[in-house]
């Protein structure tokens, strides 16, 4: 299992609309092969910032599977207009330390 991580900077005053759109988008991504779960957390320090964590069986499930799918176009249509700037996505390995 790998972890996809992105810091999402949402346009100011659009947080509520973003959260509603993300709830819809969750249904899209959770149906994809290799999907292992996700979390979206709101920053306690920056009002319009969120942290996205998505677990995938492999990196390819995200890059070659989800990102190349028709479902990704629906995800983009729901969410990408909220971001300023567009987020950078990074990938992390299985935990090397776990509690």
C-alpha atoms as a PDB file:
ATOM      1  CA  UNK A   1       0.000   0.000   0.000  1.00  0.00           C
ATOM      2  CA  UNK A   2       1.349   3.442  -0.902  1.00  0.00           C
ATOM      3  CA  UNK A   3       0.139   6.837   0.241  1.00  0.00           C
ATOM      4  CA  UNK A   4      -0.700   9.699  -2.109  1.00  0.00           C
ATOM      5  CA  UNK A   5      -0.421  13.064  -0.349  1.00  0.00           C
ATOM      6  CA  UNK A   6      -1.479  16.502  -1.563  1.00  0.00           C
ATOM      7  CA  UNK A   7      -1.905  19.858   0.160  1.00  0.00           C
ATOM      8  CA  UNK A   8      -5.048  21.439  -1.271  1.00  0.00           C
ATOM      9  CA  UNK A   9      -5.229  25.229  -1.172  1.00  0.00           C
ATOM     10  CA  UNK A  10      -8.856  26.087  -1.843  1.00  0.00           C
ATOM     11  CA  UNK A  11      -9.913  29.502  -3.116  1.00  0.00           C
ATOM     12  CA  UNK A  12     -10.933  31.707  -0.200  1.00  0.00           C
ATOM     13  CA  UNK A  13     -14.603  31.634   0.775  1.00  0.00           C
ATOM     14  CA  UNK A  14     -15.203  28.429  -1.221  1.00  0.00           C
ATOM     15  CA  UNK A  15     -14.435  25.966   1.563  1.00  0.00           C
ATOM     16  CA  UNK A  16     -18.046  24.869   2.119  1.00  0.00           C
ATOM     17  CA  UNK A  17     -18.630  24.281  -1.604  1.00  0.00           C
ATOM     18  CA  UNK A  18     -15.318  22.404  -1.825  1.00  0.00           C
ATOM     19  CA  UNK A  19     -16.262  20.129   1.079  1.00  0.00           C
ATOM     20  CA  UNK A  20     -19.614  19.330  -0.559  1.00  0.00           C
ATOM     21  CA  UNK A  21     -17.891  18.579  -3.874  1.00  0.00           C
ATOM     22  CA  UNK A  22     -15.285  16.396  -2.142  1.00  0.00           C
ATOM     23  CA  UNK A  23     -18.057  14.331  -0.550  1.00  0.00           C
ATOM     24  CA  UNK A  24     -19.386  13.630  -4.064  1.00  0.00           C
ATOM     25  CA  UNK A  25     -15.902  13.009  -5.449  1.00  0.00           C
ATOM     26  CA  UNK A  26     -15.215  10.421  -2.725  1.00  0.00           C
ATOM     27  CA  UNK A  27     -17.815   8.171  -4.337  1.00  0.00           C
ATOM     28  CA  UNK A  28     -15.906   8.336  -7.619  1.00  0.00           C
ATOM     29  CA  UNK A  29     -12.431   7.574  -6.300  1.00  0.00           C
ATOM     30  CA  UNK A  30     -13.565   4.870  -3.872  1.00  0.00           C
ATOM     31  CA  UNK A  31     -14.908   2.811  -6.779  1.00  0.00           C
ATOM     32  CA  UNK A  32     -11.508   2.633  -8.507  1.00  0.00           C
ATOM     33  CA  UNK A  33      -9.362  -0.522  -8.605  1.00  0.00           C
ATOM     34  CA  UNK A  34      -6.521  -0.373  -6.091  1.00  0.00           C
ATOM     35  CA  UNK A  35      -8.207   2.236  -3.885  1.00  0.00           C
ATOM     36  CA  UNK A  36      -7.549   1.526  -0.207  1.00  0.00           C
ATOM     37  CA  UNK A  37      -9.102   4.487   1.596  1.00  0.00           C
ATOM     38  CA  UNK A  38      -8.815   8.238   1.905  1.00  0.00           C
ATOM     39  CA  UNK A  39      -8.845  11.103   4.363  1.00  0.00           C
ATOM     40  CA  UNK A  40      -9.276  14.814   3.864  1.00  0.00           C
ATOM     41  CA  UNK A  41      -8.326  16.989   6.807  1.00  0.00           C
ATOM     42  CA  UNK A  42      -8.872  20.726   7.222  1.00  0.00           C
ATOM     43  CA  UNK A  43      -5.944  22.772   8.480  1.00  0.00           C
ATOM     44  CA  UNK A  44      -6.266  24.208  11.969  1.00  0.00           C
ATOM     45  CA  UNK A  45      -3.894  27.024  11.020  1.00  0.00           C
ATOM     46  CA  UNK A  46      -4.846  28.026   7.465  1.00  0.00           C
ATOM     47  CA  UNK A  47      -8.595  28.458   6.918  1.00  0.00           C
ATOM     48  CA  UNK A  48      -8.697  27.395   3.265  1.00  0.00           C
ATOM     49  CA  UNK A  49      -6.104  24.591   3.316  1.00  0.00           C
ATOM     50  CA  UNK A  50      -6.729  20.842   3.360  1.00  0.00           C
ATOM     51  CA  UNK A  51      -4.546  17.723   3.391  1.00  0.00           C
ATOM     52  CA  UNK A  52      -5.556  14.822   1.133  1.00  0.00           C
ATOM     53  CA  UNK A  53      -4.319  11.294   1.873  1.00  0.00           C
ATOM     54  CA  UNK A  54      -5.287   8.462  -0.459  1.00  0.00           C
ATOM     55  CA  UNK A  55      -4.107   4.871  -0.041  1.00  0.00           C
ATOM     56  CA  UNK A  56      -3.485   2.867  -3.213  1.00  0.00           C
ATOM     57  CA  UNK A  57      -2.323  -0.721  -3.658  1.00  0.00           C
ATOM     58  CA  UNK A  58       0.382   0.587  -6.015  1.00  0.00           C
ATOM     59  CA  UNK A  59       1.401   3.940  -7.448  1.00  0.00           C
ATOM     60  CA  UNK A  60       0.283   2.699 -10.878  1.00  0.00           C
ATOM     61  CA  UNK A  61      -3.269   2.261  -9.581  1.00  0.00           C
ATOM     62  CA  UNK A  62      -3.318   6.043  -9.203  1.00  0.00           C
ATOM     63  CA  UNK A  63      -1.171   7.217 -12.119  1.00  0.00           C
ATOM     64  CA  UNK A  64      -2.058   4.650 -14.799  1.00  0.00           C
ATOM     65  CA  UNK A  65      -5.449   3.585 -13.482  1.00  0.00           C
ATOM     66  CA  UNK A  66      -7.385   6.429 -11.914  1.00  0.00           C
ATOM     67  CA  UNK A  67      -5.651   9.334 -13.667  1.00  0.00           C
ATOM     68  CA  UNK A  68      -6.186   7.737 -17.090  1.00  0.00           C
ATOM     69  CA  UNK A  69      -9.837   6.850 -16.473  1.00  0.00           C
ATOM     70  CA  UNK A  70     -13.085   8.494 -17.514  1.00  0.00           C
ATOM     71  CA  UNK A  71     -13.937   8.716 -13.801  1.00  0.00           C
ATOM     72  CA  UNK A  72     -10.938  11.004 -13.283  1.00  0.00           C
ATOM     73  CA  UNK A  73     -12.512  13.528 -15.656  1.00  0.00           C
ATOM     74  CA  UNK A  74     -15.555  13.610 -13.369  1.00  0.00           C
ATOM     75  CA  UNK A  75     -13.246  14.051 -10.338  1.00  0.00           C
ATOM     76  CA  UNK A  76     -11.476  16.934 -12.090  1.00  0.00           C
ATOM     77  CA  UNK A  77     -14.744  18.618 -13.027  1.00  0.00           C
ATOM     78  CA  UNK A  78     -15.928  18.477  -9.409  1.00  0.00           C
ATOM     79  CA  UNK A  79     -12.726  19.643  -7.715  1.00  0.00           C
ATOM     80  CA  UNK A  80      -9.993  21.238  -9.796  1.00  0.00           C
ATOM     81  CA  UNK A  81     -11.617  24.658 -10.148  1.00  0.00           C
ATOM     82  CA  UNK A  82     -11.348  25.104  -6.347  1.00  0.00           C
ATOM     83  CA  UNK A  83      -7.520  24.945  -6.224  1.00  0.00           C
ATOM     84  CA  UNK A  84      -5.256  27.981  -6.166  1.00  0.00           C
ATOM     85  CA  UNK A  85      -2.577  26.945  -7.064  1.00  0.00           C
ATOM     86  CA  UNK A  86      -2.950  23.410  -8.374  1.00  0.00           C
ATOM     87  CA  UNK A  87      -1.612  20.957  -5.776  1.00  0.00           C
ATOM     88  CA  UNK A  88       1.537  18.909  -6.093  1.00  0.00           C
ATOM     89  CA  UNK A  89       0.965  15.200  -5.539  1.00  0.00           C
ATOM     90  CA  UNK A  90       3.616  13.148  -3.762  1.00  0.00           C
ATOM     91  CA  UNK A  91       3.818   9.433  -3.026  1.00  0.00           C
ATOM     92  CA  UNK A  92       5.055   7.697   0.104  1.00  0.00           C
ATOM     93  CA  UNK A  93       6.007   4.082   0.794  1.00  0.00           C
ATOM     94  CA  UNK A  94       4.601   1.729   3.401  1.00  0.00           C
ATOM     95  CA  UNK A  95       5.330   2.949   6.934  1.00  0.00           C
ATOM     96  CA  UNK A  96       8.872   2.314   8.146  1.00  0.00           C
ATOM     97  CA  UNK A  97       7.714   2.998  11.708  1.00  0.00           C
ATOM     98  CA  UNK A  98       4.197   2.439  12.950  1.00  0.00           C
ATOM     99  CA  UNK A  99       2.650   2.724  16.395  1.00  0.00           C
END
